[in-house]
Amino acid sequence: MTDSLRIAQIDPAMAEPRVKAVLEAQRKQWGAPLNNHLVYARLPELFKGARGMWSALAACGGLDPTLVALLNRRVASLNQCPF
């Protein structure tokens, strides 16, 4: 975990089972859970809402995956995230 975070992240081992499954899938795909998800996971209802938004965007097919990747990088840059 990064010391410069303003909001503490959850320990994945302490997450509820459904949240833990998502964090584990991220670890397998990217080597570690995504930092924003570790923050959202502190409040399971917030986590479900955020995941629901991303799932809906992926399912609607309205945005080209390349554009989504560029948008994610831009948002990360604006948030000073070392993407």
N, C-alpha and C. Protein backbone atom coordinates (compact mmCIF):
# COMPACT_ATOMS: atom_id res chain seq x y z
N MET A 1 0.83 -1.17 0.00
CA MET A 1 0.00 0.00 0.00
C MET A 1 0.87 1.24 0.00
N THR A 2 0.35 2.29 -0.59
CA THR A 2 1.11 3.52 -0.73
C THR A 2 0.90 4.43 0.47
N ASP A 3 1.98 4.99 1.02
CA ASP A 3 1.89 5.86 2.19
C ASP A 3 1.24 7.19 1.85
N SER A 4 1.23 7.60 0.59
CA SER A 4 0.72 8.92 0.22
C SER A 4 -0.80 8.95 0.05
N LEU A 5 -1.47 7.85 0.24
CA LEU A 5 -2.92 7.84 0.09
C LEU A 5 -3.58 8.61 1.23
N ARG A 6 -4.61 9.39 0.88
CA ARG A 6 -5.33 10.15 1.90
C ARG A 6 -6.36 9.29 2.62
N ILE A 7 -6.86 8.26 1.95
CA ILE A 7 -7.87 7.37 2.54
C ILE A 7 -7.26 5.98 2.61
N ALA A 8 -7.33 5.39 3.78
CA ALA A 8 -6.75 4.06 3.96
C ALA A 8 -7.48 3.02 3.11
N GLN A 9 -6.72 2.07 2.63
CA GLN A 9 -7.28 0.97 1.85
C GLN A 9 -7.65 -0.18 2.78
N ILE A 10 -8.53 -1.03 2.30
CA ILE A 10 -8.91 -2.22 3.05
C ILE A 10 -7.84 -3.29 2.85
N ASP A 11 -7.65 -4.10 3.84
CA ASP A 11 -6.82 -5.30 3.70
C ASP A 11 -7.69 -6.31 2.96
N PRO A 12 -7.29 -6.77 1.77
CA PRO A 12 -8.14 -7.70 1.01
C PRO A 12 -8.58 -8.92 1.81
N ALA A 13 -7.77 -9.36 2.74
CA ALA A 13 -8.13 -10.52 3.55
C ALA A 13 -9.33 -10.23 4.45
N MET A 14 -9.60 -8.95 4.72
CA MET A 14 -10.70 -8.56 5.61
C MET A 14 -11.99 -8.24 4.84
N ALA A 15 -11.94 -8.28 3.52
CA ALA A 15 -13.11 -7.94 2.71
C ALA A 15 -14.16 -9.05 2.76
N GLU A 16 -15.40 -8.66 2.51
CA GLU A 16 -16.46 -9.67 2.46
C GLU A 16 -16.22 -10.56 1.25
N PRO A 17 -16.76 -11.77 1.23
CA PRO A 17 -16.43 -12.76 0.21
C PRO A 17 -16.59 -12.29 -1.24
N ARG A 18 -17.68 -11.61 -1.57
CA ARG A 18 -17.87 -11.18 -2.97
C ARG A 18 -16.84 -10.13 -3.37
N VAL A 19 -16.53 -9.22 -2.46
CA VAL A 19 -15.52 -8.20 -2.73
C VAL A 19 -14.15 -8.86 -2.84
N LYS A 20 -13.88 -9.79 -1.94
CA LYS A 20 -12.60 -10.50 -1.94
C LYS A 20 -12.39 -11.23 -3.26
N ALA A 21 -13.46 -11.79 -3.83
CA ALA A 21 -13.35 -12.50 -5.11
C ALA A 21 -12.94 -11.55 -6.23
N VAL A 22 -13.50 -10.34 -6.24
CA VAL A 22 -13.13 -9.35 -7.26
C VAL A 22 -11.68 -8.94 -7.08
N LEU A 23 -11.28 -8.67 -5.85
CA LEU A 23 -9.90 -8.25 -5.59
C LEU A 23 -8.90 -9.36 -5.97
N GLU A 24 -9.28 -10.60 -5.73
CA GLU A 24 -8.42 -11.73 -6.10
C GLU A 24 -8.30 -11.85 -7.61
N ALA A 25 -9.41 -11.64 -8.32
CA ALA A 25 -9.37 -11.68 -9.79
C ALA A 25 -8.47 -10.58 -10.34
N GLN A 26 -8.52 -9.40 -9.72
CA GLN A 26 -7.63 -8.32 -10.14
C GLN A 26 -6.18 -8.68 -9.86
N ARG A 27 -5.91 -9.29 -8.72
CA ARG A 27 -4.55 -9.70 -8.39
C ARG A 27 -4.02 -10.67 -9.44
N LYS A 28 -4.86 -11.62 -9.85
CA LYS A 28 -4.44 -12.59 -10.85
C LYS A 28 -4.19 -11.93 -12.20
N GLN A 29 -5.03 -10.95 -12.56
CA GLN A 29 -4.89 -10.32 -13.87
C GLN A 29 -3.77 -9.28 -13.91
N TRP A 30 -3.64 -8.46 -12.85
CA TRP A 30 -2.71 -7.34 -12.88
C TRP A 30 -1.60 -7.41 -11.84
N GLY A 31 -1.57 -8.47 -11.05
CA GLY A 31 -0.52 -8.62 -10.06
C GLY A 31 -0.87 -8.06 -8.69
N ALA A 32 -1.92 -7.26 -8.61
CA ALA A 32 -2.37 -6.69 -7.33
C ALA A 32 -3.77 -6.12 -7.55
N PRO A 33 -4.56 -6.03 -6.48
CA PRO A 33 -5.86 -5.37 -6.62
C PRO A 33 -5.66 -3.90 -6.99
N LEU A 34 -6.60 -3.34 -7.71
CA LEU A 34 -6.53 -1.93 -8.09
C LEU A 34 -6.74 -1.05 -6.86
N ASN A 35 -5.93 0.00 -6.74
CA ASN A 35 -5.98 0.86 -5.56
C ASN A 35 -7.37 1.45 -5.32
N ASN A 36 -8.04 1.90 -6.40
CA ASN A 36 -9.35 2.50 -6.19
C ASN A 36 -10.34 1.48 -5.62
N HIS A 37 -10.23 0.23 -6.03
CA HIS A 37 -11.12 -0.80 -5.51
C HIS A 37 -10.83 -1.11 -4.04
N LEU A 38 -9.57 -0.98 -3.65
CA LEU A 38 -9.22 -1.20 -2.24
C LEU A 38 -9.81 -0.09 -1.35
N VAL A 39 -9.99 1.09 -1.92
CA VAL A 39 -10.64 2.18 -1.18
C VAL A 39 -12.14 1.96 -1.17
N TYR A 40 -12.73 1.69 -2.36
CA TYR A 40 -14.18 1.44 -2.43
C TYR A 40 -14.59 0.30 -1.50
N ALA A 41 -13.74 -0.71 -1.37
CA ALA A 41 -14.08 -1.91 -0.62
C ALA A 41 -14.26 -1.64 0.88
N ARG A 42 -13.83 -0.48 1.34
CA ARG A 42 -14.06 -0.13 2.74
C ARG A 42 -15.55 -0.04 3.03
N LEU A 43 -16.33 0.32 2.01
CA LEU A 43 -17.79 0.41 2.13
C LEU A 43 -18.40 -0.49 1.06
N PRO A 44 -18.80 -1.70 1.41
CA PRO A 44 -19.27 -2.66 0.41
C PRO A 44 -20.36 -2.13 -0.52
N GLU A 45 -21.27 -1.29 -0.03
CA GLU A 45 -22.32 -0.75 -0.90
C GLU A 45 -21.72 0.18 -1.95
N LEU A 46 -20.73 0.98 -1.57
CA LEU A 46 -20.04 1.84 -2.53
C LEU A 46 -19.29 0.99 -3.55
N PHE A 47 -18.65 -0.06 -3.08
CA PHE A 47 -17.92 -0.98 -3.96
C PHE A 47 -18.87 -1.57 -5.01
N LYS A 48 -20.04 -2.04 -4.55
CA LYS A 48 -21.02 -2.62 -5.47
C LYS A 48 -21.51 -1.60 -6.48
N GLY A 49 -21.71 -0.36 -6.04
CA GLY A 49 -22.16 0.69 -6.96
C GLY A 49 -21.11 1.01 -8.01
N ALA A 50 -19.86 1.15 -7.57
CA ALA A 50 -18.77 1.45 -8.51
C ALA A 50 -18.58 0.31 -9.50
N ARG A 51 -18.59 -0.92 -8.99
CA ARG A 51 -18.45 -2.09 -9.88
C ARG A 51 -19.63 -2.17 -10.84
N GLY A 52 -20.82 -1.83 -10.36
CA GLY A 52 -22.00 -1.84 -11.22
C GLY A 52 -21.86 -0.86 -12.36
N MET A 53 -21.32 0.33 -12.07
CA MET A 53 -21.12 1.32 -13.12
C MET A 53 -20.15 0.80 -14.18
N TRP A 54 -19.00 0.27 -13.73
CA TRP A 54 -18.01 -0.23 -14.69
C TRP A 54 -18.55 -1.43 -15.47
N SER A 55 -19.30 -2.28 -14.82
CA SER A 55 -19.88 -3.44 -15.50
C SER A 55 -20.90 -2.99 -16.55
N ALA A 56 -21.71 -2.00 -16.20
CA ALA A 56 -22.71 -1.49 -17.16
C ALA A 56 -22.03 -0.85 -18.36
N LEU A 57 -20.98 -0.09 -18.12
CA LEU A 57 -20.26 0.52 -19.24
C LEU A 57 -19.66 -0.54 -20.16
N ALA A 58 -19.12 -1.59 -19.56
CA ALA A 58 -18.53 -2.67 -20.36
C ALA A 58 -19.61 -3.42 -21.14
N ALA A 59 -20.78 -3.62 -20.52
CA ALA A 59 -21.85 -4.41 -21.14
C ALA A 59 -22.59 -3.66 -22.23
N CYS A 60 -22.67 -2.33 -22.11
CA CYS A 60 -23.47 -1.57 -23.08
C CYS A 60 -22.85 -1.55 -24.47
N GLY A 61 -21.54 -1.70 -24.53
CA GLY A 61 -20.89 -1.72 -25.83
C GLY A 61 -20.90 -0.39 -26.55
N GLY A 62 -21.28 0.68 -25.84
CA GLY A 62 -21.37 1.99 -26.46
C GLY A 62 -20.05 2.70 -26.64
N LEU A 63 -19.03 2.24 -25.91
CA LEU A 63 -17.72 2.88 -26.00
C LEU A 63 -16.69 1.88 -26.51
N ASP A 64 -15.89 2.33 -27.44
CA ASP A 64 -14.81 1.52 -27.96
C ASP A 64 -13.82 1.23 -26.83
N PRO A 65 -13.35 -0.01 -26.67
CA PRO A 65 -12.41 -0.34 -25.59
C PRO A 65 -11.15 0.52 -25.60
N THR A 66 -10.69 0.93 -26.77
CA THR A 66 -9.51 1.80 -26.85
C THR A 66 -9.81 3.15 -26.23
N LEU A 67 -11.00 3.68 -26.49
CA LEU A 67 -11.39 4.95 -25.90
C LEU A 67 -11.51 4.83 -24.38
N VAL A 68 -12.06 3.75 -23.90
CA VAL A 68 -12.18 3.52 -22.46
C VAL A 68 -10.80 3.52 -21.82
N ALA A 69 -9.85 2.84 -22.45
CA ALA A 69 -8.48 2.80 -21.91
C ALA A 69 -7.87 4.20 -21.88
N LEU A 70 -8.08 4.98 -22.93
CA LEU A 70 -7.56 6.35 -22.96
C LEU A 70 -8.22 7.22 -21.88
N LEU A 71 -9.53 7.05 -21.70
CA LEU A 71 -10.23 7.81 -20.67
C LEU A 71 -9.72 7.44 -19.28
N ASN A 72 -9.50 6.16 -19.05
CA ASN A 72 -8.98 5.73 -17.76
C ASN A 72 -7.61 6.33 -17.48
N ARG A 73 -6.77 6.37 -18.49
CA ARG A 73 -5.44 6.96 -18.32
C ARG A 73 -5.53 8.45 -18.06
N ARG A 74 -6.44 9.12 -18.75
CA ARG A 74 -6.60 10.56 -18.55
C ARG A 74 -7.08 10.86 -17.13
N VAL A 75 -8.07 10.12 -16.67
CA VAL A 75 -8.59 10.32 -15.31
C VAL A 75 -7.49 10.03 -14.30
N ALA A 76 -6.72 8.96 -14.52
CA ALA A 76 -5.62 8.65 -13.62
C ALA A 76 -4.61 9.80 -13.58
N SER A 77 -4.32 10.36 -14.74
CA SER A 77 -3.39 11.48 -14.82
C SER A 77 -3.93 12.69 -14.06
N LEU A 78 -5.20 12.99 -14.25
CA LEU A 78 -5.80 14.14 -13.55
C LEU A 78 -5.78 13.94 -12.04
N ASN A 79 -5.87 12.70 -11.60
CA ASN A 79 -5.83 12.39 -10.18
C ASN A 79 -4.41 12.18 -9.67
N GLN A 80 -3.43 12.47 -10.52
CA GLN A 80 -2.02 12.31 -10.20
C GLN A 80 -1.69 10.88 -9.79
N CYS A 81 -2.34 9.95 -10.46
CA CYS A 81 -2.09 8.53 -10.21
C CYS A 81 -0.96 8.07 -11.13
N PRO A 82 0.06 7.44 -10.58
CA PRO A 82 1.15 6.94 -11.42
C PRO A 82 0.72 5.68 -12.15
N PHE A 83 -0.15 5.81 -13.12
CA PHE A 83 -0.78 4.70 -13.85
C PHE A 83 0.24 3.75 -14.39
